[in-house]
């Protein structure tokens, strides 16, 4: 099952999400955001978070 790669279960049975879920109300729980080198992207609603690189002085 492909969905199992988005979760991790530890020895005590605690479940943790490995990827961020889309916070948009149109997507809801279970829609995960794709990780790219400089951004996170939701394929369903096209919400994008762009990471800014630290500038050197």
PDB file of N, CA and C in Angstrom:
ATOM      1  N   UNK A   1       0.846  -1.184   0.000  1.00  0.00           N
ATOM      2  CA  UNK A   1       0.000   0.000   0.000  1.00  0.00           C
ATOM      3  C   UNK A   1       0.887   1.240   0.000  1.00  0.00           C
ATOM      4  N   UNK A   2       0.649   2.118  -0.941  1.00  0.00           N
ATOM      5  CA  UNK A   2       1.501   3.285  -1.133  1.00  0.00           C
ATOM      6  C   UNK A   2       1.365   4.309  -0.015  1.00  0.00           C
ATOM      7  N   UNK A   3       0.230   4.371   0.657  1.00  0.00           N
ATOM      8  CA  UNK A   3       0.019   5.377   1.696  1.00  0.00           C
ATOM      9  C   UNK A   3       0.903   5.128   2.915  1.00  0.00           C
ATOM     10  N   UNK A   4       1.388   3.914   3.100  1.00  0.00           N
ATOM     11  CA  UNK A   4       2.192   3.593   4.274  1.00  0.00           C
ATOM     12  C   UNK A   4       3.536   4.307   4.288  1.00  0.00           C
ATOM     13  N   UNK A   5       4.015   4.796   3.150  1.00  0.00           N
ATOM     14  CA  UNK A   5       5.291   5.504   3.139  1.00  0.00           C
ATOM     15  C   UNK A   5       5.169   6.930   3.670  1.00  0.00           C
ATOM     16  N   UNK A   6       3.943   7.392   3.939  1.00  0.00           N
ATOM     17  CA  UNK A   6       3.739   8.732   4.479  1.00  0.00           C
ATOM     18  C   UNK A   6       3.636   8.744   5.997  1.00  0.00           C
ATOM     19  N   UNK A   7       3.649   7.580   6.635  1.00  0.00           N
ATOM     20  CA  UNK A   7       3.518   7.466   8.080  1.00  0.00           C
ATOM     21  C   UNK A   7       4.628   6.591   8.634  1.00  0.00           C
ATOM     22  N   UNK A   8       4.922   6.795   9.941  1.00  0.00           N
ATOM     23  CA  UNK A   8       5.900   5.964  10.627  1.00  0.00           C
ATOM     24  C   UNK A   8       5.285   5.521  11.945  1.00  0.00           C
ATOM     25  N   UNK A   9       5.419   4.254  12.273  1.00  0.00           N
ATOM     26  CA  UNK A   9       4.925   3.705  13.534  1.00  0.00           C
ATOM     27  C   UNK A   9       6.134   3.258  14.338  1.00  0.00           C
ATOM     28  N   UNK A  10       6.277   3.793  15.575  1.00  0.00           N
ATOM     29  CA  UNK A  10       7.416   3.403  16.403  1.00  0.00           C
ATOM     30  C   UNK A  10       7.083   2.163  17.234  1.00  0.00           C
ATOM     31  N   UNK A  11       8.014   1.764  18.113  1.00  0.00           N
ATOM     32  CA  UNK A  11       7.857   0.536  18.889  1.00  0.00           C
ATOM     33  C   UNK A  11       6.655   0.578  19.820  1.00  0.00           C
ATOM     34  N   UNK A  12       6.314   1.770  20.323  1.00  0.00           N
ATOM     35  CA  UNK A  12       5.196   1.886  21.263  1.00  0.00           C
ATOM     36  C   UNK A  12       3.848   2.010  20.554  1.00  0.00           C
ATOM     37  N   UNK A  13       3.851   2.059  19.229  1.00  0.00           N
ATOM     38  CA  UNK A  13       2.608   2.145  18.471  1.00  0.00           C
ATOM     39  C   UNK A  13       2.189   3.560  18.123  1.00  0.00           C
ATOM     40  N   UNK A  14       3.051   4.542  18.426  1.00  0.00           N
ATOM     41  CA  UNK A  14       2.730   5.935  18.109  1.00  0.00           C
ATOM     42  C   UNK A  14       2.921   6.179  16.613  1.00  0.00           C
ATOM     43  N   UNK A  15       1.935   6.815  16.000  1.00  0.00           N
ATOM     44  CA  UNK A  15       1.970   7.089  14.562  1.00  0.00           C
ATOM     45  C   UNK A  15       2.379   8.540  14.339  1.00  0.00           C
ATOM     46  N   UNK A  16       3.357   8.767  13.470  1.00  0.00           N
ATOM     47  CA  UNK A  16       3.779  10.121  13.117  1.00  0.00           C
ATOM     48  C   UNK A  16       3.718  10.271  11.601  1.00  0.00           C
ATOM     49  N   UNK A  17       3.352  11.470  11.157  1.00  0.00           N
ATOM     50  CA  UNK A  17       3.325  11.766   9.721  1.00  0.00           C
ATOM     51  C   UNK A  17       4.727  12.153   9.268  1.00  0.00           C
ATOM     52  N   UNK A  18       5.135  11.653   8.141  1.00  0.00           N
ATOM     53  CA  UNK A  18       6.456  11.972   7.616  1.00  0.00           C
ATOM     54  C   UNK A  18       6.419  13.166   6.674  1.00  0.00           C
ATOM     55  N   UNK A  19       5.259  13.475   6.133  1.00  0.00           N
ATOM     56  CA  UNK A  19       5.116  14.621   5.241  1.00  0.00           C
ATOM     57  C   UNK A  19       4.021  15.534   5.753  1.00  0.00           C
ATOM     58  N   UNK A  20       4.052  16.772   5.306  1.00  0.00           N
ATOM     59  CA  UNK A  20       3.074  17.765   5.730  1.00  0.00           C
ATOM     60  C   UNK A  20       1.767  17.581   4.964  1.00  0.00           C
ATOM     61  N   UNK A  21       0.650  17.682   5.686  1.00  0.00           N
ATOM     62  CA  UNK A  21      -0.655  17.652   5.034  1.00  0.00           C
ATOM     63  C   UNK A  21      -1.000  19.059   4.582  1.00  0.00           C
ATOM     64  N   UNK A  22      -1.767  19.182   3.521  1.00  0.00           N
ATOM     65  CA  UNK A  22      -2.163  20.481   3.002  1.00  0.00           C
ATOM     66  C   UNK A  22      -3.131  21.146   3.982  1.00  0.00           C
ATOM     67  N   UNK A  23      -2.856  22.385   4.405  1.00  0.00           N
ATOM     68  CA  UNK A  23      -3.723  23.060   5.370  1.00  0.00           C
ATOM     69  C   UNK A  23      -4.944  23.725   4.750  1.00  0.00           C
ATOM     70  N   UNK A  24      -5.058  23.725   3.431  1.00  0.00           N
ATOM     71  CA  UNK A  24      -6.172  24.378   2.762  1.00  0.00           C
ATOM     72  C   UNK A  24      -7.472  23.633   3.064  1.00  0.00           C
ATOM     73  N   UNK A  25      -8.554  24.374   3.244  1.00  0.00           N
ATOM     74  CA  UNK A  25      -9.845  23.775   3.605  1.00  0.00           C
ATOM     75  C   UNK A  25     -10.412  22.913   2.485  1.00  0.00           C
ATOM     76  N   UNK A  26     -10.049  23.177   1.237  1.00  0.00           N
ATOM     77  CA  UNK A  26     -10.583  22.387   0.126  1.00  0.00           C
ATOM     78  C   UNK A  26      -9.953  20.998   0.051  1.00  0.00           C
ATOM     79  N   UNK A  27      -8.776  20.829   0.607  1.00  0.00           N
ATOM     80  CA  UNK A  27      -8.095  19.533   0.541  1.00  0.00           C
ATOM     81  C   UNK A  27      -8.476  18.626   1.707  1.00  0.00           C
ATOM     82  N   UNK A  28      -8.333  19.108   2.915  1.00  0.00           N
ATOM     83  CA  UNK A  28      -8.662  18.287   4.068  1.00  0.00           C
ATOM     84  C   UNK A  28      -7.546  17.326   4.431  1.00  0.00           C
ATOM     85  N   UNK A  29      -7.822  16.478   5.408  1.00  0.00           N
ATOM     86  CA  UNK A  29      -6.825  15.533   5.897  1.00  0.00           C
ATOM     87  C   UNK A  29      -6.572  14.443   4.858  1.00  0.00           C
ATOM     88  N   UNK A  30      -5.342  13.989   4.800  1.00  0.00           N
ATOM     89  CA  UNK A  30      -4.991  12.906   3.887  1.00  0.00           C
ATOM     90  C   UNK A  30      -4.406  13.360   2.574  1.00  0.00           C
ATOM     91  N   UNK A  31      -4.389  14.670   2.301  1.00  0.00           N
ATOM     92  CA  UNK A  31      -3.765  15.193   1.083  1.00  0.00           C
ATOM     93  C   UNK A  31      -2.402  15.740   1.489  1.00  0.00           C
ATOM     94  N   UNK A  32      -1.348  15.088   1.037  1.00  0.00           N
ATOM     95  CA  UNK A  32      -0.004  15.456   1.442  1.00  0.00           C
ATOM     96  C   UNK A  32       0.639  16.386   0.422  1.00  0.00           C
ATOM     97  N   UNK A  33       1.550  17.222   0.911  1.00  0.00           N
ATOM     98  CA  UNK A  33       2.263  18.162   0.052  1.00  0.00           C
ATOM     99  C   UNK A  33       3.559  17.513  -0.429  1.00  0.00           C
ATOM    100  N   UNK A  34       3.905  17.760  -1.676  1.00  0.00           N
ATOM    101  CA  UNK A  34       5.135  17.227  -2.257  1.00  0.00           C
ATOM    102  C   UNK A  34       6.312  18.078  -1.807  1.00  0.00           C
ATOM    103  N   UNK A  35       7.428  17.418  -1.503  1.00  0.00           N
ATOM    104  CA  UNK A  35       8.650  18.119  -1.115  1.00  0.00           C
ATOM    105  C   UNK A  35       9.540  18.276  -2.343  1.00  0.00           C
ATOM    106  N   UNK A  36       9.871  19.526  -2.659  1.00  0.00           N
ATOM    107  CA  UNK A  36      10.828  19.818  -3.720  1.00  0.00           C
ATOM    108  C   UNK A  36      12.040  20.475  -3.076  1.00  0.00           C
ATOM    109  N   UNK A  37      13.044  20.769  -3.846  1.00  0.00           N
ATOM    110  CA  UNK A  37      14.280  21.320  -3.296  1.00  0.00           C
ATOM    111  C   UNK A  37      14.056  22.673  -2.630  1.00  0.00           C
ATOM    112  N   UNK A  38      13.210  23.520  -3.215  1.00  0.00           N
ATOM    113  CA  UNK A  38      13.035  24.872  -2.698  1.00  0.00           C
ATOM    114  C   UNK A  38      11.591  25.201  -2.340  1.00  0.00           C
ATOM    115  N   UNK A  39      10.692  24.191  -2.323  1.00  0.00           N
ATOM    116  CA  UNK A  39       9.287  24.491  -2.054  1.00  0.00           C
ATOM    117  C   UNK A  39       8.528  23.232  -1.654  1.00  0.00           C
ATOM    118  N   UNK A  40       7.338  23.458  -1.091  1.00  0.00           N
ATOM    119  CA  UNK A  40       6.358  22.403  -0.862  1.00  0.00           C
ATOM    120  C   UNK A  40       5.157  22.725  -1.726  1.00  0.00           C
ATOM    121  N   UNK A  41       4.544  21.711  -2.338  1.00  0.00           N
ATOM    122  CA  UNK A  41       3.496  21.938  -3.320  1.00  0.00           C
ATOM    123  C   UNK A  41       2.363  20.939  -3.125  1.00  0.00           C
ATOM    124  N   UNK A  42       1.121  21.443  -3.185  1.00  0.00           N
ATOM    125  CA  UNK A  42      -0.060  20.586  -3.140  1.00  0.00           C
ATOM    126  C   UNK A  42      -0.569  20.408  -4.563  1.00  0.00           C
ATOM    127  N   UNK A  43      -0.659  19.178  -5.022  1.00  0.00           N
ATOM    128  CA  UNK A  43      -1.106  18.900  -6.378  1.00  0.00           C
ATOM    129  C   UNK A  43      -2.599  19.055  -6.575  1.00  0.00           C
ATOM    130  N   UNK A  44      -3.357  19.086  -5.483  1.00  0.00           N
ATOM    131  CA  UNK A  44      -4.806  19.184  -5.607  1.00  0.00           C
ATOM    132  C   UNK A  44      -5.271  20.632  -5.711  1.00  0.00           C
ATOM    133  N   UNK A  45      -4.809  21.506  -4.804  1.00  0.00           N
ATOM    134  CA  UNK A  45      -5.272  22.901  -4.807  1.00  0.00           C
ATOM    135  C   UNK A  45      -4.187  23.867  -5.281  1.00  0.00           C
ATOM    136  N   UNK A  46      -2.986  23.363  -5.567  1.00  0.00           N
ATOM    137  CA  UNK A  46      -1.857  24.144  -6.093  1.00  0.00           C
ATOM    138  C   UNK A  46      -1.304  25.146  -5.085  1.00  0.00           C
ATOM    139  N   UNK A  47      -1.500  24.905  -3.801  1.00  0.00           N
ATOM    140  CA  UNK A  47      -0.897  25.735  -2.761  1.00  0.00           C
ATOM    141  C   UNK A  47       0.599  25.468  -2.746  1.00  0.00           C
ATOM    142  N   UNK A  48       1.411  26.533  -2.700  1.00  0.00           N
ATOM    143  CA  UNK A  48       2.859  26.396  -2.752  1.00  0.00           C
ATOM    144  C   UNK A  48       3.498  27.216  -1.651  1.00  0.00           C
ATOM    145  N   UNK A  49       4.413  26.600  -0.910  1.00  0.00           N
ATOM    146  CA  UNK A  49       5.246  27.292   0.064  1.00  0.00           C
ATOM    147  C   UNK A  49       6.662  27.296  -0.486  1.00  0.00           C
ATOM    148  N   UNK A  50       7.235  28.488  -0.691  1.00  0.00           N
ATOM    149  CA  UNK A  50       8.582  28.614  -1.238  1.00  0.00           C
ATOM    150  C   UNK A  50       9.529  28.931  -0.101  1.00  0.00           C
ATOM    151  N   UNK A  51      10.629  28.184  -0.018  1.00  0.00           N
ATOM    152  CA  UNK A  51      11.637  28.401   1.010  1.00  0.00           C
ATOM    153  C   UNK A  51      12.654  29.412   0.500  1.00  0.00           C
ATOM    154  N   UNK A  52      13.024  30.343   1.356  1.00  0.00           N
ATOM    155  CA  UNK A  52      14.028  31.335   0.990  1.00  0.00           C
ATOM    156  C   UNK A  52      15.379  30.874   1.509  1.00  0.00           C
ATOM    157  N   UNK A  53      16.388  31.001   0.673  1.00  0.00           N
ATOM    158  CA  UNK A  53      17.739  30.651   1.085  1.00  0.00           C
ATOM    159  C   UNK A  53      18.321  31.792   1.901  1.00  0.00           C
ATOM    160  N   UNK A  54      19.159  31.436   2.875  1.00  0.00           N
ATOM    161  CA  UNK A  54      19.818  32.462   3.671  1.00  0.00           C
ATOM    162  C   UNK A  54      20.872  33.144   2.812  1.00  0.00           C
ATOM    163  N   UNK A  55      20.879  34.472   2.871  1.00  0.00           N
ATOM    164  CA  UNK A  55      21.846  35.221   2.079  1.00  0.00           C
ATOM    165  C   UNK A  55      23.118  35.408   2.883  1.00  0.00           C
ATOM    166  N   UNK A  56      24.242  35.273   2.197  1.00  0.00           N
ATOM    167  CA  UNK A  56      25.531  35.443   2.859  1.00  0.00           C
ATOM    168  C   UNK A  56      25.879  36.915   2.912  1.00  0.00           C
ATOM    169  N   UNK A  57      26.516  37.321   3.995  1.00  0.00           N
ATOM    170  CA  UNK A  57      26.874  38.732   4.176  1.00  0.00           C
ATOM    171  C   UNK A  57      28.162  39.079   3.495  1.00  0.00           C
TER     172      UNK A  57
END
